Structures are given as C-alpha cells and as structure tokens.
C-alpha cells in the first residue's frame, strides 16, 4: 500500500471515530441503538458463517456448532431488542470488568502482604473498590463505559485526522 492510500485510510478512520464519538456524546440512545443493530447483525452473520463452515471443514465441528448457535441466538436477541441491548450489554461488560478488577485487587493485596510493598497494596485496594462498584452498580458502570468510549473515540478520531495530514 502506498503512502497516499495509508493517509486516506487513516483520515477516513479518524473521521468515522470522530463522528461516532460525537454522536455518542450528543445522541447517546440513538447511536447505541444503531451500534447494537450493527453488532446484532454481525453476530447473526458470524453465526451463519460458523455453522456453514462445518460443511467445509469438519474439524472441531462441535465447537463450531456451539459457536454458531450462540452467534445466531445472540444476534437475534440483539436485533429484536436493540434499545434494551444498549443498557444490558454495557452493564454486562461492567460486571465482567468488575469481576476482573476484583480478582486483580485480591491478587495485588495478596502480593502486598507477601512483601511487595505499599504501592501494590494501594493499587490492590483501589482495584478492589472499583471492581465492587462496577459489579454492584453495573448500569452506572455501563453508562460510564459508554462515556469513556465516546471520549476515546473522539481522541482517536482527532489523532487519526491529525496524523493523516502529518504523513507526507
């Protein structure tokens, strides 16, 4: 790929990121519903492709069957309920991140008590608290994740646009 093509791809990606980031800030529900429709469609199509791949390559057909059924089911659920999915899916991500934060916090606290120092202990306590907050306030945590995603998309988009003009 030549330099000019790379610049245009970077510019396009930056503009798309900026648009989605700004839309997530200004039209959160509608943008999330659109994103959920795209995610649901993607999962549904992936389920079909995974199931069809069983007939092409029979290796690991059990996992392909399982993955295909899960993809179809998840895609259908999201496609039938895109607005509800805008709350449920970020909340599920918040719960999963909460569990990871809890596990990281426990591991860091154990390390701190085994002599790793106060810094590791403070990090562990902080991770533990954030993990618990995300787990028990998953809807709020999901909303925070959406706003952080919007912020990161705006930053990523701005950087992509700037870099596309700096690459000459």
C-alpha atoms as a PDB file:
ATOM      1  CA  UNK A   1       0.000   0.000   0.000  1.00  0.00           C
ATOM      2  CA  UNK A   2       1.400   3.383  -0.899  1.00  0.00           C
ATOM      3  CA  UNK A   3       1.688   6.344   1.458  1.00  0.00           C
ATOM      4  CA  UNK A   4      -1.243   8.221  -0.091  1.00  0.00           C
ATOM      5  CA  UNK A   5      -3.617   5.275   0.396  1.00  0.00           C
ATOM      6  CA  UNK A   6      -2.472   4.877   4.014  1.00  0.00           C
ATOM      7  CA  UNK A   7      -3.154   8.567   4.637  1.00  0.00           C
ATOM      8  CA  UNK A   8      -6.678   8.325   3.210  1.00  0.00           C
ATOM      9  CA  UNK A   9      -7.437   5.210   5.263  1.00  0.00           C
ATOM     10  CA  UNK A  10      -6.158   6.948   8.396  1.00  0.00           C
ATOM     11  CA  UNK A  11      -8.196  10.059   7.581  1.00  0.00           C
ATOM     12  CA  UNK A  12     -11.356   8.008   6.932  1.00  0.00           C
ATOM     13  CA  UNK A  13     -10.914   6.042  10.171  1.00  0.00           C
ATOM     14  CA  UNK A  14     -10.331   9.255  12.097  1.00  0.00           C
ATOM     15  CA  UNK A  15     -13.445  10.895  10.683  1.00  0.00           C
ATOM     16  CA  UNK A  16     -15.600   7.826  11.422  1.00  0.00           C
ATOM     17  CA  UNK A  17     -14.250   7.674  15.000  1.00  0.00           C
ATOM     18  CA  UNK A  18     -14.915  11.381  15.491  1.00  0.00           C
ATOM     19  CA  UNK A  19     -18.468  11.063  14.179  1.00  0.00           C
ATOM     20  CA  UNK A  20     -19.306   8.068  16.385  1.00  0.00           C
ATOM     21  CA  UNK A  21     -17.654   9.674  19.420  1.00  0.00           C
ATOM     22  CA  UNK A  22     -19.552  12.935  18.984  1.00  0.00           C
ATOM     23  CA  UNK A  23     -22.807  11.075  18.324  1.00  0.00           C
ATOM     24  CA  UNK A  24     -22.296   9.000  21.479  1.00  0.00           C
ATOM     25  CA  UNK A  25     -21.974  12.253  23.440  1.00  0.00           C
ATOM     26  CA  UNK A  26     -24.878  14.070  21.806  1.00  0.00           C
ATOM     27  CA  UNK A  27     -27.327  11.330  20.723  1.00  0.00           C
ATOM     28  CA  UNK A  28     -26.369   8.519  23.088  1.00  0.00           C
ATOM     29  CA  UNK A  29     -29.500   6.346  22.877  1.00  0.00           C
ATOM     30  CA  UNK A  30     -29.924   6.544  19.104  1.00  0.00           C
ATOM     31  CA  UNK A  31     -26.220   5.949  18.455  1.00  0.00           C
ATOM     32  CA  UNK A  32     -26.112   2.996  20.823  1.00  0.00           C
ATOM     33  CA  UNK A  33     -29.221   1.545  19.190  1.00  0.00           C
ATOM     34  CA  UNK A  34     -27.515   1.805  15.781  1.00  0.00           C
ATOM     35  CA  UNK A  35     -24.314   0.263  17.139  1.00  0.00           C
ATOM     36  CA  UNK A  36     -26.333  -2.546  18.758  1.00  0.00           C
ATOM     37  CA  UNK A  37     -28.130  -3.207  15.458  1.00  0.00           C
ATOM     38  CA  UNK A  38     -24.751  -3.479  13.724  1.00  0.00           C
ATOM     39  CA  UNK A  39     -23.394  -5.720  16.498  1.00  0.00           C
ATOM     40  CA  UNK A  40     -26.500  -7.918  16.386  1.00  0.00           C
ATOM     41  CA  UNK A  41     -26.293  -8.212  12.610  1.00  0.00           C
ATOM     42  CA  UNK A  42     -22.590  -9.026  12.856  1.00  0.00           C
ATOM     43  CA  UNK A  43     -23.177 -11.748  15.464  1.00  0.00           C
ATOM     44  CA  UNK A  44     -26.039 -13.214  13.425  1.00  0.00           C
ATOM     45  CA  UNK A  45     -23.997 -13.324  10.203  1.00  0.00           C
ATOM     46  CA  UNK A  46     -20.994 -14.737  12.079  1.00  0.00           C
ATOM     47  CA  UNK A  47     -23.253 -17.484  13.480  1.00  0.00           C
ATOM     48  CA  UNK A  48     -24.439 -18.402   9.986  1.00  0.00           C
ATOM     49  CA  UNK A  49     -20.894 -18.419   8.602  1.00  0.00           C
ATOM     50  CA  UNK A  50     -19.646 -20.520  11.524  1.00  0.00           C
ATOM     51  CA  UNK A  51     -22.438 -23.058  11.039  1.00  0.00           C
ATOM     52  CA  UNK A  52     -21.805 -23.165   7.280  1.00  0.00           C
ATOM     53  CA  UNK A  53     -18.082 -23.749   7.899  1.00  0.00           C
ATOM     54  CA  UNK A  54     -18.935 -27.127   9.455  1.00  0.00           C
ATOM     55  CA  UNK A  55     -19.770 -28.406   5.955  1.00  0.00           C
ATOM     56  CA  UNK A  56     -16.466 -27.142   4.552  1.00  0.00           C
ATOM     57  CA  UNK A  57     -14.136 -28.293   7.343  1.00  0.00           C
ATOM     58  CA  UNK A  58     -15.410 -30.858   9.828  1.00  0.00           C
ATOM     59  CA  UNK A  59     -12.533 -30.286  12.282  1.00  0.00           C
ATOM     60  CA  UNK A  60     -13.798 -29.139  15.666  1.00  0.00           C
ATOM     61  CA  UNK A  61     -17.368 -29.308  14.405  1.00  0.00           C
ATOM     62  CA  UNK A  62     -18.746 -29.394  17.974  1.00  0.00           C
ATOM     63  CA  UNK A  63     -17.200 -26.026  18.831  1.00  0.00           C
ATOM     64  CA  UNK A  64     -18.299 -24.604  15.507  1.00  0.00           C
ATOM     65  CA  UNK A  65     -21.847 -25.804  16.130  1.00  0.00           C
ATOM     66  CA  UNK A  66     -21.814 -24.313  19.638  1.00  0.00           C
ATOM     67  CA  UNK A  67     -20.313 -21.011  18.454  1.00  0.00           C
ATOM     68  CA  UNK A  68     -22.697 -20.786  15.516  1.00  0.00           C
ATOM     69  CA  UNK A  69     -25.763 -21.355  17.674  1.00  0.00           C
ATOM     70  CA  UNK A  70     -24.545 -18.807  20.245  1.00  0.00           C
ATOM     71  CA  UNK A  71     -23.851 -16.278  17.462  1.00  0.00           C
ATOM     72  CA  UNK A  72     -27.291 -16.790  15.918  1.00  0.00           C
ATOM     73  CA  UNK A  73     -29.052 -16.570  19.283  1.00  0.00           C
ATOM     74  CA  UNK A  74     -27.132 -13.505  20.471  1.00  0.00           C
ATOM     75  CA  UNK A  75     -27.615 -11.800  17.115  1.00  0.00           C
ATOM     76  CA  UNK A  76     -31.359 -12.461  17.119  1.00  0.00           C
ATOM     77  CA  UNK A  77     -31.751 -11.254  20.705  1.00  0.00           C
ATOM     78  CA  UNK A  78     -29.918  -8.011  19.970  1.00  0.00           C
ATOM     79  CA  UNK A  79     -31.674  -7.468  16.634  1.00  0.00           C
ATOM     80  CA  UNK A  80     -35.085  -7.958  18.244  1.00  0.00           C
ATOM     81  CA  UNK A  81     -34.260  -5.723  21.234  1.00  0.00           C
ATOM     82  CA  UNK A  82     -31.676  -3.117  20.158  1.00  0.00           C
ATOM     83  CA  UNK A  83     -32.784  -0.429  22.634  1.00  0.00           C
ATOM     84  CA  UNK A  84     -32.774  -2.810  25.616  1.00  0.00           C
ATOM     85  CA  UNK A  85     -29.391  -4.119  24.463  1.00  0.00           C
ATOM     86  CA  UNK A  86     -27.956  -0.610  24.798  1.00  0.00           C
ATOM     87  CA  UNK A  87     -28.418  -0.979  28.571  1.00  0.00           C
ATOM     88  CA  UNK A  88     -27.862  -4.705  29.050  1.00  0.00           C
ATOM     89  CA  UNK A  89     -24.659  -5.213  27.057  1.00  0.00           C
ATOM     90  CA  UNK A  90     -22.716  -2.299  28.620  1.00  0.00           C
ATOM     91  CA  UNK A  91     -23.960  -3.470  32.037  1.00  0.00           C
ATOM     92  CA  UNK A  92     -22.673  -6.993  31.331  1.00  0.00           C
ATOM     93  CA  UNK A  93     -19.304  -5.530  30.305  1.00  0.00           C
ATOM     94  CA  UNK A  94     -19.272  -3.504  33.522  1.00  0.00           C
ATOM     95  CA  UNK A  95     -19.947  -6.640  35.577  1.00  0.00           C
ATOM     96  CA  UNK A  96     -17.169  -8.533  33.767  1.00  0.00           C
ATOM     97  CA  UNK A  97     -14.759  -5.635  34.285  1.00  0.00           C
ATOM     98  CA  UNK A  98     -15.842  -5.545  37.926  1.00  0.00           C
ATOM     99  CA  UNK A  99     -15.006  -9.226  38.320  1.00  0.00           C
ATOM    100  CA  UNK A 100     -11.599  -8.686  36.711  1.00  0.00           C
ATOM    101  CA  UNK A 101     -10.986  -5.671  38.953  1.00  0.00           C
ATOM    102  CA  UNK A 102     -11.943  -7.719  41.982  1.00  0.00           C
ATOM    103  CA  UNK A 103      -9.574 -10.545  41.014  1.00  0.00           C
ATOM    104  CA  UNK A 104      -6.739  -8.124  40.223  1.00  0.00           C
ATOM    105  CA  UNK A 105      -7.320  -6.336  43.524  1.00  0.00           C
ATOM    106  CA  UNK A 106      -7.251  -9.565  45.524  1.00  0.00           C
ATOM    107  CA  UNK A 107      -4.080 -10.718  43.761  1.00  0.00           C
ATOM    108  CA  UNK A 108      -2.388  -7.354  44.369  1.00  0.00           C
ATOM    109  CA  UNK A 109      -3.385  -7.334  48.046  1.00  0.00           C
ATOM    110  CA  UNK A 110      -2.001 -10.844  48.491  1.00  0.00           C
ATOM    111  CA  UNK A 111       1.240  -9.700  46.828  1.00  0.00           C
ATOM    112  CA  UNK A 112       1.371  -6.656  49.090  1.00  0.00           C
ATOM    113  CA  UNK A 113       1.024  -8.793  52.225  1.00  0.00           C
ATOM    114  CA  UNK A 114       3.783 -11.054  50.905  1.00  0.00           C
ATOM    115  CA  UNK A 115       6.194  -8.135  50.850  1.00  0.00           C
ATOM    116  CA  UNK A 116       5.685  -6.390  47.517  1.00  0.00           C
ATOM    117  CA  UNK A 117       5.122  -3.029  49.216  1.00  0.00           C
ATOM    118  CA  UNK A 118       2.545  -0.357  49.934  1.00  0.00           C
ATOM    119  CA  UNK A 119       2.197   0.719  46.317  1.00  0.00           C
ATOM    120  CA  UNK A 120       0.953  -2.709  45.286  1.00  0.00           C
ATOM    121  CA  UNK A 121      -1.376  -2.740  48.309  1.00  0.00           C
ATOM    122  CA  UNK A 122      -2.864   0.652  47.429  1.00  0.00           C
ATOM    123  CA  UNK A 123      -3.313  -0.458  43.827  1.00  0.00           C
ATOM    124  CA  UNK A 124      -4.976  -3.660  45.064  1.00  0.00           C
ATOM    125  CA  UNK A 125      -7.368  -1.794  47.347  1.00  0.00           C
ATOM    126  CA  UNK A 126      -8.209   0.678  44.569  1.00  0.00           C
ATOM    127  CA  UNK A 127      -8.847  -2.175  42.091  1.00  0.00           C
ATOM    128  CA  UNK A 128     -10.958  -3.985  44.657  1.00  0.00           C
ATOM    129  CA  UNK A 129     -13.153  -0.938  45.295  1.00  0.00           C
ATOM    130  CA  UNK A 130     -13.581  -0.156  41.589  1.00  0.00           C
ATOM    131  CA  UNK A 131     -14.332  -3.808  40.863  1.00  0.00           C
ATOM    132  CA  UNK A 132     -17.014  -3.916  43.547  1.00  0.00           C
ATOM    133  CA  UNK A 133     -18.525  -0.635  42.336  1.00  0.00           C
ATOM    134  CA  UNK A 134     -18.700  -1.927  38.768  1.00  0.00           C
ATOM    135  CA  UNK A 135     -20.216  -5.221  39.866  1.00  0.00           C
ATOM    136  CA  UNK A 136     -22.898  -3.738  42.109  1.00  0.00           C
ATOM    137  CA  UNK A 137     -23.637  -0.605  40.048  1.00  0.00           C
ATOM    138  CA  UNK A 138     -23.437  -2.226  36.639  1.00  0.00           C
ATOM    139  CA  UNK A 139     -25.904   0.143  34.935  1.00  0.00           C
ATOM    140  CA  UNK A 140     -23.957   3.181  36.158  1.00  0.00           C
ATOM    141  CA  UNK A 141     -20.717   1.402  35.266  1.00  0.00           C
ATOM    142  CA  UNK A 142     -22.092   0.673  31.806  1.00  0.00           C
ATOM    143  CA  UNK A 143     -23.009   4.335  31.360  1.00  0.00           C
ATOM    144  CA  UNK A 144     -19.512   5.370  32.428  1.00  0.00           C
ATOM    145  CA  UNK A 145     -18.046   2.885  29.936  1.00  0.00           C
ATOM    146  CA  UNK A 146     -20.181   4.407  27.185  1.00  0.00           C
ATOM    147  CA  UNK A 147     -18.979   7.936  28.021  1.00  0.00           C
ATOM    148  CA  UNK A 148     -15.362   6.744  28.212  1.00  0.00           C
ATOM    149  CA  UNK A 149     -15.776   5.021  24.860  1.00  0.00           C
ATOM    150  CA  UNK A 150     -17.168   8.245  23.379  1.00  0.00           C
ATOM    151  CA  UNK A 151     -14.220  10.203  24.769  1.00  0.00           C
ATOM    152  CA  UNK A 152     -11.714   7.666  23.442  1.00  0.00           C
ATOM    153  CA  UNK A 153     -13.389   7.682  20.012  1.00  0.00           C
ATOM    154  CA  UNK A 154     -13.145  11.479  19.835  1.00  0.00           C
ATOM    155  CA  UNK A 155      -9.468  11.396  20.870  1.00  0.00           C
ATOM    156  CA  UNK A 156      -8.703   8.535  18.474  1.00  0.00           C
ATOM    157  CA  UNK A 157     -10.518  10.311  15.651  1.00  0.00           C
ATOM    158  CA  UNK A 158      -8.733  13.607  16.240  1.00  0.00           C
ATOM    159  CA  UNK A 159      -5.348  11.876  16.385  1.00  0.00           C
ATOM    160  CA  UNK A 160      -6.147   9.895  13.217  1.00  0.00           C
ATOM    161  CA  UNK A 161      -7.125  13.029  11.291  1.00  0.00           C
ATOM    162  CA  UNK A 162      -4.061  14.949  12.520  1.00  0.00           C
ATOM    163  CA  UNK A 163      -1.693  12.077  11.709  1.00  0.00           C
ATOM    164  CA  UNK A 164      -3.195  11.675   8.246  1.00  0.00           C
ATOM    165  CA  UNK A 165      -2.211  15.276   7.471  1.00  0.00           C
ATOM    166  CA  UNK A 166       1.221  14.928   9.083  1.00  0.00           C
ATOM    167  CA  UNK A 167       2.133  11.856   6.976  1.00  0.00           C
ATOM    168  CA  UNK A 168       3.505  13.240   3.753  1.00  0.00           C
END
